[in-house]
């Protein structure tokens, strides 16, 4: 898959998240995005949830994952994202790439009468 290290895991809504610590150029990202828009015009997102907090009992499937490791050179993998994915999913990604990861907390859309977690 594009010579990227990546992890795929299920979500509680029946979908899948694909997450990669491999840094790519903006041009490469745009080209990949164009290909994927044919599958789902609303994705891939530029931000991604890292906690099972959207669907009831989502944590029961969230941590079931598959990782593809060592297809990208270590210096292309962002060290901060490598540490995060290894901690949460128990992967074995290796990376030395510098870059800033931003974690943003935002409220998920709630249905009428729902109470936030």
PDB file of N, CA and C in Angstrom:
ATOM      1  N   UNK A   1       0.852  -1.193   0.000  1.00  0.00           N
ATOM      2  CA  UNK A   1       0.000   0.000   0.000  1.00  0.00           C
ATOM      3  C   UNK A   1       0.886   1.241   0.000  1.00  0.00           C
ATOM      4  N   UNK A   2       1.285   1.654  -1.171  1.00  0.00           N
ATOM      5  CA  UNK A   2       2.021   2.903  -1.355  1.00  0.00           C
ATOM      6  C   UNK A   2       3.338   2.976  -0.574  1.00  0.00           C
ATOM      7  N   UNK A   3       3.915   1.832  -0.194  1.00  0.00           N
ATOM      8  CA  UNK A   3       5.148   1.787   0.598  1.00  0.00           C
ATOM      9  C   UNK A   3       5.014   2.540   1.908  1.00  0.00           C
ATOM     10  N   UNK A   4       3.861   2.394   2.549  1.00  0.00           N
ATOM     11  CA  UNK A   4       3.599   3.007   3.852  1.00  0.00           C
ATOM     12  C   UNK A   4       3.512   1.923   4.908  1.00  0.00           C
ATOM     13  N   UNK A   5       3.978   2.224   6.100  1.00  0.00           N
ATOM     14  CA  UNK A   5       3.604   1.403   7.244  1.00  0.00           C
ATOM     15  C   UNK A   5       2.193   1.839   7.598  1.00  0.00           C
ATOM     16  N   UNK A   6       1.339   0.915   7.981  1.00  0.00           N
ATOM     17  CA  UNK A   6      -0.010   1.328   8.344  1.00  0.00           C
ATOM     18  C   UNK A   6      -0.661   0.323   9.275  1.00  0.00           C
ATOM     19  N   UNK A   7      -1.704   0.793   9.921  1.00  0.00           N
ATOM     20  CA  UNK A   7      -2.512  -0.010  10.826  1.00  0.00           C
ATOM     21  C   UNK A   7      -3.954   0.133  10.381  1.00  0.00           C
ATOM     22  N   UNK A   8      -4.700  -0.942  10.413  1.00  0.00           N
ATOM     23  CA  UNK A   8      -6.136  -0.888  10.121  1.00  0.00           C
ATOM     24  C   UNK A   8      -6.863  -1.494  11.313  1.00  0.00           C
ATOM     25  N   UNK A   9      -7.943  -0.827  11.729  1.00  0.00           N
ATOM     26  CA  UNK A   9      -8.751  -1.373  12.815  1.00  0.00           C
ATOM     27  C   UNK A   9     -10.215  -1.039  12.576  1.00  0.00           C
ATOM     28  N   UNK A  10     -11.094  -1.842  13.190  1.00  0.00           N
ATOM     29  CA  UNK A  10     -12.527  -1.651  13.035  1.00  0.00           C
ATOM     30  C   UNK A  10     -13.017  -0.513  13.913  1.00  0.00           C
ATOM     31  N   UNK A  11     -14.144   0.062  13.511  1.00  0.00           N
ATOM     32  CA  UNK A  11     -14.825   1.058  14.341  1.00  0.00           C
ATOM     33  C   UNK A  11     -16.157   0.465  14.770  1.00  0.00           C
ATOM     34  N   UNK A  12     -16.768   1.059  15.748  1.00  0.00           N
ATOM     35  CA  UNK A  12     -18.043   0.567  16.245  1.00  0.00           C
ATOM     36  C   UNK A  12     -19.195   0.788  15.295  1.00  0.00           C
ATOM     37  N   UNK A  13     -18.996   1.591  14.269  1.00  0.00           N
ATOM     38  CA  UNK A  13     -20.055   1.852  13.300  1.00  0.00           C
ATOM     39  C   UNK A  13     -20.004   0.941  12.094  1.00  0.00           C
ATOM     40  N   UNK A  14     -19.126  -0.078  12.133  1.00  0.00           N
ATOM     41  CA  UNK A  14     -19.032  -1.024  11.028  1.00  0.00           C
ATOM     42  C   UNK A  14     -17.989  -0.662   9.991  1.00  0.00           C
ATOM     43  N   UNK A  15     -17.290   0.452  10.191  1.00  0.00           N
ATOM     44  CA  UNK A  15     -16.270   0.870   9.237  1.00  0.00           C
ATOM     45  C   UNK A  15     -14.874   0.488   9.697  1.00  0.00           C
ATOM     46  N   UNK A  16     -13.899   1.015   8.994  1.00  0.00           N
ATOM     47  CA  UNK A  16     -12.493   0.763   9.306  1.00  0.00           C
ATOM     48  C   UNK A  16     -11.726   2.073   9.295  1.00  0.00           C
ATOM     49  N   UNK A  17     -10.724   2.158  10.159  1.00  0.00           N
ATOM     50  CA  UNK A  17      -9.771   3.264  10.135  1.00  0.00           C
ATOM     51  C   UNK A  17      -8.444   2.717   9.628  1.00  0.00           C
ATOM     52  N   UNK A  18      -7.828   3.441   8.723  1.00  0.00           N
ATOM     53  CA  UNK A  18      -6.473   3.155   8.282  1.00  0.00           C
ATOM     54  C   UNK A  18      -5.614   4.303   8.782  1.00  0.00           C
ATOM     55  N   UNK A  19      -4.557   3.987   9.529  1.00  0.00           N
ATOM     56  CA  UNK A  19      -3.699   5.008  10.115  1.00  0.00           C
ATOM     57  C   UNK A  19      -2.259   4.672   9.752  1.00  0.00           C
ATOM     58  N   UNK A  20      -1.500   5.676   9.324  1.00  0.00           N
ATOM     59  CA  UNK A  20      -0.103   5.454   8.973  1.00  0.00           C
ATOM     60  C   UNK A  20       0.781   6.480   9.660  1.00  0.00           C
ATOM     61  N   UNK A  21       1.906   6.027  10.229  1.00  0.00           N
ATOM     62  CA  UNK A  21       2.870   6.969  10.788  1.00  0.00           C
ATOM     63  C   UNK A  21       3.838   7.504   9.732  1.00  0.00           C
ATOM     64  N   UNK A  22       3.710   7.013   8.481  1.00  0.00           N
ATOM     65  CA  UNK A  22       4.648   7.367   7.427  1.00  0.00           C
ATOM     66  C   UNK A  22       4.336   8.747   6.864  1.00  0.00           C
ATOM     67  N   UNK A  23       5.332   9.617   6.908  1.00  0.00           N
ATOM     68  CA  UNK A  23       5.177  10.972   6.390  1.00  0.00           C
ATOM     69  C   UNK A  23       5.385  10.956   4.876  1.00  0.00           C
ATOM     70  N   UNK A  24       4.492  11.648   4.166  1.00  0.00           N
ATOM     71  CA  UNK A  24       4.580  11.729   2.716  1.00  0.00           C
ATOM     72  C   UNK A  24       4.459  13.200   2.305  1.00  0.00           C
ATOM     73  N   UNK A  25       4.783  13.471   1.064  1.00  0.00           N
ATOM     74  CA  UNK A  25       4.663  14.838   0.574  1.00  0.00           C
ATOM     75  C   UNK A  25       3.180  15.180   0.395  1.00  0.00           C
ATOM     76  N   UNK A  26       2.897  16.468   0.361  1.00  0.00           N
ATOM     77  CA  UNK A  26       1.524  16.912   0.152  1.00  0.00           C
ATOM     78  C   UNK A  26       1.014  16.455  -1.219  1.00  0.00           C
ATOM     79  N   UNK A  27       1.885  16.458  -2.210  1.00  0.00           N
ATOM     80  CA  UNK A  27       1.508  16.025  -3.551  1.00  0.00           C
ATOM     81  C   UNK A  27       1.131  14.543  -3.554  1.00  0.00           C
ATOM     82  N   UNK A  28       1.906  13.727  -2.843  1.00  0.00           N
ATOM     83  CA  UNK A  28       1.618  12.291  -2.730  1.00  0.00           C
ATOM     84  C   UNK A  28       0.278  12.092  -2.020  1.00  0.00           C
ATOM     85  N   UNK A  29       0.043  12.841  -0.950  1.00  0.00           N
ATOM     86  CA  UNK A  29      -1.224  12.750  -0.212  1.00  0.00           C
ATOM     87  C   UNK A  29      -2.396  13.100  -1.121  1.00  0.00           C
ATOM     88  N   UNK A  30      -2.255  14.178  -1.910  1.00  0.00           N
ATOM     89  CA  UNK A  30      -3.338  14.588  -2.812  1.00  0.00           C
ATOM     90  C   UNK A  30      -3.634  13.508  -3.842  1.00  0.00           C
ATOM     91  N   UNK A  31      -2.591  12.884  -4.378  1.00  0.00           N
ATOM     92  CA  UNK A  31      -2.784  11.819  -5.369  1.00  0.00           C
ATOM     93  C   UNK A  31      -3.509  10.628  -4.751  1.00  0.00           C
ATOM     94  N   UNK A  32      -3.118  10.234  -3.541  1.00  0.00           N
ATOM     95  CA  UNK A  32      -3.789   9.128  -2.855  1.00  0.00           C
ATOM     96  C   UNK A  32      -5.232   9.497  -2.537  1.00  0.00           C
ATOM     97  N   UNK A  33      -5.449  10.725  -2.111  1.00  0.00           N
ATOM     98  CA  UNK A  33      -6.787  11.203  -1.767  1.00  0.00           C
ATOM     99  C   UNK A  33      -7.707  11.122  -2.985  1.00  0.00           C
ATOM    100  N   UNK A  34      -7.208  11.503  -4.143  1.00  0.00           N
ATOM    101  CA  UNK A  34      -8.009  11.446  -5.372  1.00  0.00           C
ATOM    102  C   UNK A  34      -8.453  10.015  -5.672  1.00  0.00           C
ATOM    103  N   UNK A  35      -7.545   9.058  -5.497  1.00  0.00           N
ATOM    104  CA  UNK A  35      -7.893   7.654  -5.733  1.00  0.00           C
ATOM    105  C   UNK A  35      -8.963   7.180  -4.749  1.00  0.00           C
ATOM    106  N   UNK A  36      -8.828   7.558  -3.481  1.00  0.00           N
ATOM    107  CA  UNK A  36      -9.747   7.081  -2.458  1.00  0.00           C
ATOM    108  C   UNK A  36     -11.105   7.766  -2.505  1.00  0.00           C
ATOM    109  N   UNK A  37     -11.176   8.947  -3.093  1.00  0.00           N
ATOM    110  CA  UNK A  37     -12.461   9.649  -3.181  1.00  0.00           C
ATOM    111  C   UNK A  37     -13.477   8.849  -3.995  1.00  0.00           C
ATOM    112  N   UNK A  38     -13.002   8.003  -4.879  1.00  0.00           N
ATOM    113  CA  UNK A  38     -13.914   7.167  -5.659  1.00  0.00           C
ATOM    114  C   UNK A  38     -14.611   6.134  -4.776  1.00  0.00           C
ATOM    115  N   UNK A  39     -13.925   5.691  -3.720  1.00  0.00           N
ATOM    116  CA  UNK A  39     -14.498   4.699  -2.809  1.00  0.00           C
ATOM    117  C   UNK A  39     -15.468   5.356  -1.844  1.00  0.00           C
ATOM    118  N   UNK A  40     -15.060   6.471  -1.259  1.00  0.00           N
ATOM    119  CA  UNK A  40     -15.896   7.178  -0.305  1.00  0.00           C
ATOM    120  C   UNK A  40     -15.579   8.669  -0.421  1.00  0.00           C
ATOM    121  N   UNK A  41     -16.472   9.440  -1.033  1.00  0.00           N
ATOM    122  CA  UNK A  41     -16.186  10.855  -1.286  1.00  0.00           C
ATOM    123  C   UNK A  41     -15.949  11.692  -0.027  1.00  0.00           C
ATOM    124  N   UNK A  42     -16.395  11.220   1.139  1.00  0.00           N
ATOM    125  CA  UNK A  42     -16.227  11.987   2.377  1.00  0.00           C
ATOM    126  C   UNK A  42     -14.918  11.669   3.091  1.00  0.00           C
ATOM    127  N   UNK A  43     -14.168  10.686   2.641  1.00  0.00           N
ATOM    128  CA  UNK A  43     -12.951  10.259   3.324  1.00  0.00           C
ATOM    129  C   UNK A  43     -11.818  10.153   2.324  1.00  0.00           C
ATOM    130  N   UNK A  44     -10.573  10.127   2.689  1.00  0.00           N
ATOM    131  CA  UNK A  44     -10.056  10.055   4.051  1.00  0.00           C
ATOM    132  C   UNK A  44     -10.090  11.411   4.740  1.00  0.00           C
ATOM    133  N   UNK A  45     -10.243  11.368   6.007  1.00  0.00           N
ATOM    134  CA  UNK A  45     -10.281  12.588   6.803  1.00  0.00           C
ATOM    135  C   UNK A  45      -8.861  13.100   7.031  1.00  0.00           C
ATOM    136  N   UNK A  46      -8.757  14.371   7.315  1.00  0.00           N
ATOM    137  CA  UNK A  46      -7.447  14.915   7.668  1.00  0.00           C
ATOM    138  C   UNK A  46      -7.223  14.818   9.167  1.00  0.00           C
ATOM    139  N   UNK A  47      -8.250  14.466   9.912  1.00  0.00           N
ATOM    140  CA  UNK A  47      -8.117  14.186  11.342  1.00  0.00           C
ATOM    141  C   UNK A  47      -8.764  12.837  11.594  1.00  0.00           C
ATOM    142  N   UNK A  48      -8.416  12.204  12.687  1.00  0.00           N
ATOM    143  CA  UNK A  48      -8.895  10.863  12.946  1.00  0.00           C
ATOM    144  C   UNK A  48      -9.073  10.644  14.438  1.00  0.00           C
ATOM    145  N   UNK A  49     -10.163  10.029  14.817  1.00  0.00           N
ATOM    146  CA  UNK A  49     -10.363   9.708  16.231  1.00  0.00           C
ATOM    147  C   UNK A  49      -9.313   8.693  16.685  1.00  0.00           C
ATOM    148  N   UNK A  50      -8.834   8.845  17.909  1.00  0.00           N
ATOM    149  CA  UNK A  50      -7.879   7.871  18.455  1.00  0.00           C
ATOM    150  C   UNK A  50      -8.453   7.157  19.665  1.00  0.00           C
ATOM    151  N   UNK A  51      -9.721   7.423  19.975  1.00  0.00           N
ATOM    152  CA  UNK A  51     -10.380   6.759  21.103  1.00  0.00           C
ATOM    153  C   UNK A  51     -11.708   6.179  20.644  1.00  0.00           C
ATOM    154  N   UNK A  52     -12.116   5.030  21.223  1.00  0.00           N
ATOM    155  CA  UNK A  52     -13.418   4.452  20.883  1.00  0.00           C
ATOM    156  C   UNK A  52     -14.534   5.183  21.633  1.00  0.00           C
ATOM    157  N   UNK A  53     -14.958   6.336  21.132  1.00  0.00           N
ATOM    158  CA  UNK A  53     -15.882   7.177  21.884  1.00  0.00           C
ATOM    159  C   UNK A  53     -17.102   7.630  21.090  1.00  0.00           C
ATOM    160  N   UNK A  54     -17.374   6.985  19.964  1.00  0.00           N
ATOM    161  CA  UNK A  54     -18.457   7.467  19.113  1.00  0.00           C
ATOM    162  C   UNK A  54     -19.698   6.572  19.142  1.00  0.00           C
ATOM    163  N   UNK A  55     -19.502   5.272  19.239  1.00  0.00           N
ATOM    164  CA  UNK A  55     -20.609   4.320  19.179  1.00  0.00           C
ATOM    165  C   UNK A  55     -20.692   3.521  20.475  1.00  0.00           C
ATOM    166  N   UNK A  56     -21.891   3.051  20.844  1.00  0.00           N
ATOM    167  CA  UNK A  56     -22.018   2.203  22.039  1.00  0.00           C
ATOM    168  C   UNK A  56     -21.166   0.942  21.899  1.00  0.00           C
ATOM    169  N   UNK A  57     -20.447   0.596  22.946  1.00  0.00           N
ATOM    170  CA  UNK A  57     -19.594  -0.601  23.005  1.00  0.00           C
ATOM    171  C   UNK A  57     -18.522  -0.649  21.904  1.00  0.00           C
ATOM    172  N   UNK A  58     -18.146   0.504  21.400  1.00  0.00           N
ATOM    173  CA  UNK A  58     -17.146   0.548  20.333  1.00  0.00           C
ATOM    174  C   UNK A  58     -15.808  -0.038  20.783  1.00  0.00           C
ATOM    175  N   UNK A  59     -15.510   0.071  22.060  1.00  0.00           N
ATOM    176  CA  UNK A  59     -14.234  -0.446  22.558  1.00  0.00           C
ATOM    177  C   UNK A  59     -14.121  -1.965  22.409  1.00  0.00           C
ATOM    178  N   UNK A  60     -15.228  -2.677  22.197  1.00  0.00           N
ATOM    179  CA  UNK A  60     -15.181  -4.130  22.029  1.00  0.00           C
ATOM    180  C   UNK A  60     -14.522  -4.548  20.715  1.00  0.00           C
ATOM    181  N   UNK A  61     -14.564  -3.685  19.694  1.00  0.00           N
ATOM    182  CA  UNK A  61     -13.943  -4.023  18.407  1.00  0.00           C
ATOM    183  C   UNK A  61     -12.761  -3.122  18.065  1.00  0.00           C
ATOM    184  N   UNK A  62     -12.684  -1.964  18.705  1.00  0.00           N
ATOM    185  CA  UNK A  62     -11.716  -0.928  18.354  1.00  0.00           C
ATOM    186  C   UNK A  62     -10.269  -1.423  18.342  1.00  0.00           C
ATOM    187  N   UNK A  63      -9.886  -2.202  19.347  1.00  0.00           N
ATOM    188  CA  UNK A  63      -8.479  -2.575  19.515  1.00  0.00           C
ATOM    189  C   UNK A  63      -8.089  -3.806  18.710  1.00  0.00           C
ATOM    190  N   UNK A  64      -9.034  -4.387  17.980  1.00  0.00           N
ATOM    191  CA  UNK A  64      -8.730  -5.498  17.093  1.00  0.00           C
ATOM    192  C   UNK A  64      -8.143  -4.900  15.818  1.00  0.00           C
ATOM    193  N   UNK A  65      -6.851  -5.081  15.625  1.00  0.00           N
ATOM    194  CA  UNK A  65      -6.189  -4.377  14.525  1.00  0.00           C
ATOM    195  C   UNK A  65      -5.198  -5.285  13.803  1.00  0.00           C
ATOM    196  N   UNK A  66      -4.773  -4.804  12.650  1.00  0.00           N
ATOM    197  CA  UNK A  66      -3.732  -5.465  11.868  1.00  0.00           C
ATOM    198  C   UNK A  66      -2.749  -4.385  11.424  1.00  0.00           C
ATOM    199  N   UNK A  67      -1.468  -4.619  11.648  1.00  0.00           N
ATOM    200  CA  UNK A  67      -0.454  -3.632  11.281  1.00  0.00           C
ATOM    201  C   UNK A  67       0.471  -4.195  10.208  1.00  0.00           C
ATOM    202  N   UNK A  68       0.821  -3.362   9.251  1.00  0.00           N
ATOM    203  CA  UNK A  68       1.835  -3.683   8.247  1.00  0.00           C
ATOM    204  C   UNK A  68       3.029  -2.797   8.569  1.00  0.00           C
ATOM    205  N   UNK A  69       4.124  -3.436   8.950  1.00  0.00           N
ATOM    206  CA  UNK A  69       5.286  -2.729   9.486  1.00  0.00           C
ATOM    207  C   UNK A  69       6.505  -2.941   8.595  1.00  0.00           C
ATOM    208  N   UNK A  70       7.354  -1.919   8.543  1.00  0.00           N
ATOM    209  CA  UNK A  70       8.659  -1.958   7.883  1.00  0.00           C
ATOM    210  C   UNK A  70       8.600  -1.973   6.360  1.00  0.00           C
ATOM    211  N   UNK A  71       7.582  -1.347   5.785  1.00  0.00           N
ATOM    212  CA  UNK A  71       7.608  -1.146   4.345  1.00  0.00           C
ATOM    213  C   UNK A  71       8.188   0.237   4.041  1.00  0.00           C
ATOM    214  N   UNK A  72       8.173   1.128   5.045  1.00  0.00           N
ATOM    215  CA  UNK A  72       8.718   2.481   4.883  1.00  0.00           C
ATOM    216  C   UNK A  72      10.025   2.602   5.653  1.00  0.00           C
ATOM    217  N   UNK A  73      10.963   3.413   5.160  1.00  0.00           N
ATOM    218  CA  UNK A  73      12.196   3.656   5.924  1.00  0.00           C
ATOM    219  C   UNK A  73      11.871   4.312   7.271  1.00  0.00           C
ATOM    220  N   UNK A  74      12.639   3.964   8.300  1.00  0.00           N
ATOM    221  CA  UNK A  74      12.383   4.470   9.654  1.00  0.00           C
ATOM    222  C   UNK A  74      12.312   5.989   9.714  1.00  0.00           C
ATOM    223  N   UNK A  75      13.171   6.667   8.945  1.00  0.00           N
ATOM    224  CA  UNK A  75      13.197   8.130   9.009  1.00  0.00           C
ATOM    225  C   UNK A  75      11.948   8.758   8.381  1.00  0.00           C
ATOM    226  N   UNK A  76      11.149   7.966   7.660  1.00  0.00           N
ATOM    227  CA  UNK A  76       9.909   8.486   7.093  1.00  0.00           C
ATOM    228  C   UNK A  76       8.733   8.333   8.058  1.00  0.00           C
ATOM    229  N   UNK A  77       8.904   7.552   9.114  1.00  0.00           N
ATOM    230  CA  UNK A  77       7.831   7.386  10.089  1.00  0.00           C
ATOM    231  C   UNK A  77       7.970   8.409  11.205  1.00  0.00           C
ATOM    232  N   UNK A  78       6.875   9.105  11.486  1.00  0.00           N
ATOM    233  CA  UNK A  78       6.870  10.138  12.516  1.00  0.00           C
ATOM    234  C   UNK A  78       6.979   9.492  13.899  1.00  0.00           C
ATOM    235  N   UNK A  79       7.999   9.888  14.650  1.00  0.00           N
ATOM    236  CA  UNK A  79       8.282   9.297  15.955  1.00  0.00           C
ATOM    237  C   UNK A  79       7.100   9.423  16.919  1.00  0.00           C
ATOM    238  N   UNK A  80       6.443  10.579  16.959  1.00  0.00           N
ATOM    239  CA  UNK A  80       5.320  10.770  17.887  1.00  0.00           C
ATOM    240  C   UNK A  80       4.148   9.852  17.555  1.00  0.00           C
ATOM    241  N   UNK A  81       3.839   9.719  16.280  1.00  0.00           N
ATOM    242  CA  UNK A  81       2.717   8.861  15.891  1.00  0.00           C
ATOM    243  C   UNK A  81       3.072   7.395  16.109  1.00  0.00           C
ATOM    244  N   UNK A  82       4.333   7.022  15.854  1.00  0.00           N
ATOM    245  CA  UNK A  82       4.798   5.663  16.126  1.00  0.00           C
ATOM    246  C   UNK A  82       4.562   5.314  17.598  1.00  0.00           C
ATOM    247  N   UNK A  83       4.971   6.209  18.498  1.00  0.00           N
ATOM    248  CA  UNK A  83       4.788   5.945  19.929  1.00  0.00           C
ATOM    249  C   UNK A  83       3.314   5.813  20.289  1.00  0.00           C
ATOM    250  N   UNK A  84       2.480   6.677  19.736  1.00  0.00           N
ATOM    251  CA  UNK A  84       1.047   6.633  20.025  1.00  0.00           C
ATOM    252  C   UNK A  84       0.429   5.314  19.558  1.00  0.00           C
ATOM    253  N   UNK A  85       0.683   4.920  18.308  1.00  0.00           N
ATOM    254  CA  UNK A  85       0.105   3.681  17.786  1.00  0.00           C
ATOM    255  C   UNK A  85       0.640   2.451  18.505  1.00  0.00           C
ATOM    256  N   UNK A  86       1.931   2.451  18.819  1.00  0.00           N
ATOM    257  CA  UNK A  86       2.508   1.317  19.547  1.00  0.00           C
ATOM    258  C   UNK A  86       1.889   1.185  20.945  1.00  0.00           C
ATOM    259  N   UNK A  87       1.644   2.318  21.598  1.00  0.00           N
ATOM    260  CA  UNK A  87       1.061   2.297  22.948  1.00  0.00           C
ATOM    261  C   UNK A  87      -0.396   1.836  22.908  1.00  0.00           C
ATOM    262  N   UNK A  88      -1.178   2.381  21.999  1.00  0.00           N
ATOM    263  CA  UNK A  88      -2.611   2.082  21.962  1.00  0.00           C
ATOM    264  C   UNK A  88      -2.890   0.689  21.401  1.00  0.00           C
ATOM    265  N   UNK A  89      -2.212   0.318  20.311  1.00  0.00           N
ATOM    266  CA  UNK A  89      -2.550  -0.913  19.609  1.00  0.00           C
ATOM    267  C   UNK A  89      -1.509  -2.020  19.761  1.00  0.00           C
ATOM    268  N   UNK A  90      -0.391  -1.749  20.456  1.00  0.00           N
ATOM    269  CA  UNK A  90       0.624  -2.777  20.640  1.00  0.00           C
ATOM    270  C   UNK A  90       1.362  -3.136  19.360  1.00  0.00           C
ATOM    271  N   UNK A  91       1.490  -2.183  18.449  1.00  0.00           N
ATOM    272  CA  UNK A  91       2.212  -2.408  17.180  1.00  0.00           C
ATOM    273  C   UNK A  91       3.715  -2.428  17.446  1.00  0.00           C
ATOM    274  N   UNK A  92       4.451  -2.631  16.387  1.00  0.00           N
ATOM    275  CA  UNK A  92       5.920  -2.623  16.472  1.00  0.00           C
ATOM    276  C   UNK A  92       6.495  -1.651  15.451  1.00  0.00           C
ATOM    277  N   UNK A  93       5.806  -0.508  15.243  1.00  0.00           N
ATOM    278  CA  UNK A  93       6.324   0.486  14.311  1.00  0.00           C
ATOM    279  C   UNK A  93       7.614   1.072  14.853  1.00  0.00           C
ATOM    280  N   UNK A  94       8.510   1.432  13.943  1.00  0.00           N
ATOM    281  CA  UNK A  94       9.764   2.091  14.291  1.00  0.00           C
ATOM    282  C   UNK A  94       9.826   3.376  13.472  1.00  0.00           C
ATOM    283  N   UNK A  95      10.227   4.454  14.110  1.00  0.00           N
ATOM    284  CA  UNK A  95      10.319   5.701  13.386  1.00  0.00           C
ATOM    285  C   UNK A  95      11.227   6.693  14.078  1.00  0.00           C
ATOM    286  N   UNK A  96      11.866   7.516  13.282  1.00  0.00           N
ATOM    287  CA  UNK A  96      12.753   8.547  13.818  1.00  0.00           C
ATOM    288  C   UNK A  96      12.412   9.922  13.257  1.00  0.00           C
ATOM    289  N   UNK A  97      11.389   9.995  12.420  1.00  0.00           N
ATOM    290  CA  UNK A  97      11.044  11.243  11.754  1.00  0.00           C
ATOM    291  C   UNK A  97      10.515  12.297  12.704  1.00  0.00           C
ATOM    292  N   UNK A  98      10.951  13.526  12.486  1.00  0.00           N
ATOM    293  CA  UNK A  98      10.492  14.649  13.305  1.00  0.00           C
ATOM    294  C   UNK A  98       9.217  15.221  12.706  1.00  0.00           C
ATOM    295  N   UNK A  99       8.381  15.720  13.565  1.00  0.00           N
ATOM    296  CA  UNK A  99       7.140  16.337  13.120  1.00  0.00           C
ATOM    297  C   UNK A  99       6.221  16.474  14.318  1.00  0.00           C
ATOM    298  N   UNK A 100       5.307  17.394  14.229  1.00  0.00           N
ATOM    299  CA  UNK A 100       4.433  17.669  15.362  1.00  0.00           C
ATOM    300  C   UNK A 100       3.062  17.036  15.148  1.00  0.00           C
ATOM    301  N   UNK A 101       2.626  16.292  16.132  1.00  0.00           N
ATOM    302  CA  UNK A 101       1.300  15.704  16.119  1.00  0.00           C
ATOM    303  C   UNK A 101       0.421  16.554  17.031  1.00  0.00           C
ATOM    304  N   UNK A 102      -0.766  16.887  16.565  1.00  0.00           N
ATOM    305  CA  UNK A 102      -1.679  17.684  17.377  1.00  0.00           C
ATOM    306  C   UNK A 102      -2.885  16.842  17.736  1.00  0.00           C
ATOM    307  N   UNK A 103      -3.169  16.741  19.012  1.00  0.00           N
ATOM    308  CA  UNK A 103      -4.358  16.035  19.470  1.00  0.00           C
ATOM    309  C   UNK A 103      -5.389  17.082  19.849  1.00  0.00           C
ATOM    310  N   UNK A 104      -6.531  17.008  19.210  1.00  0.00           N
ATOM    311  CA  UNK A 104      -7.595  17.981  19.414  1.00  0.00           C
ATOM    312  C   UNK A 104      -8.795  17.259  20.005  1.00  0.00           C
ATOM    313  N   UNK A 105      -9.364  17.816  21.035  1.00  0.00           N
ATOM    314  CA  UNK A 105     -10.591  17.255  21.612  1.00  0.00           C
ATOM    315  C   UNK A 105     -11.755  18.082  21.109  1.00  0.00           C
ATOM    316  N   UNK A 106     -12.725  17.424  20.548  1.00  0.00           N
ATOM    317  CA  UNK A 106     -13.902  18.128  20.065  1.00  0.00           C
ATOM    318  C   UNK A 106     -15.127  17.267  20.377  1.00  0.00           C
ATOM    319  N   UNK A 107     -16.254  17.898  20.600  1.00  0.00           N
ATOM    320  CA  UNK A 107     -17.453  17.114  20.904  1.00  0.00           C
ATOM    321  C   UNK A 107     -17.977  16.429  19.649  1.00  0.00           C
ATOM    322  N   UNK A 108     -18.352  15.172  19.793  1.00  0.00           N
ATOM    323  CA  UNK A 108     -18.981  14.483  18.696  1.00  0.00           C
ATOM    324  C   UNK A 108     -20.426  14.950  18.580  1.00  0.00           C
ATOM    325  N   UNK A 109     -20.992  14.897  17.384  1.00  0.00           N
ATOM    326  CA  UNK A 109     -22.391  15.297  17.267  1.00  0.00           C
ATOM    327  C   UNK A 109     -23.275  14.367  18.101  1.00  0.00           C
ATOM    328  N   UNK A 110     -24.145  14.939  18.900  1.00  0.00           N
ATOM    329  CA  UNK A 110     -25.039  14.150  19.741  1.00  0.00           C
ATOM    330  C   UNK A 110     -26.438  14.159  19.179  1.00  0.00           C
ATOM    331  N   UNK A 111     -27.119  13.025  19.321  1.00  0.00           N
ATOM    332  CA  UNK A 111     -28.512  12.966  18.924  1.00  0.00           C
ATOM    333  C   UNK A 111     -29.347  13.569  20.049  1.00  0.00           C
ATOM    334  N   UNK A 112     -30.522  14.003  19.727  1.00  0.00           N
ATOM    335  CA  UNK A 112     -31.399  14.627  20.715  1.00  0.00           C
ATOM    336  C   UNK A 112     -31.604  13.681  21.898  1.00  0.00           C
ATOM    337  N   UNK A 113     -31.389  14.190  23.109  1.00  0.00           N
ATOM    338  CA  UNK A 113     -31.573  13.412  24.329  1.00  0.00           C
ATOM    339  C   UNK A 113     -30.352  12.638  24.778  1.00  0.00           C
ATOM    340  N   UNK A 114     -29.293  12.593  23.937  1.00  0.00           N
ATOM    341  CA  UNK A 114     -28.075  11.883  24.303  1.00  0.00           C
ATOM    342  C   UNK A 114     -27.268  12.673  25.316  1.00  0.00           C
ATOM    343  N   UNK A 115     -26.540  11.976  26.173  1.00  0.00           N
ATOM    344  CA  UNK A 115     -25.680  12.604  27.167  1.00  0.00           C
ATOM    345  C   UNK A 115     -24.232  12.371  26.741  1.00  0.00           C
ATOM    346  N   UNK A 116     -23.391  13.416  26.707  1.00  0.00           N
ATOM    347  CA  UNK A 116     -21.987  13.227  26.309  1.00  0.00           C
ATOM    348  C   UNK A 116     -21.270  12.294  27.269  1.00  0.00           C
ATOM    349  N   UNK A 117     -20.324  11.526  26.715  1.00  0.00           N
ATOM    350  CA  UNK A 117     -19.511  10.601  27.533  1.00  0.00           C
ATOM    351  C   UNK A 117     -18.539  11.359  28.384  1.00  0.00           C
TER     352      UNK A 117
END
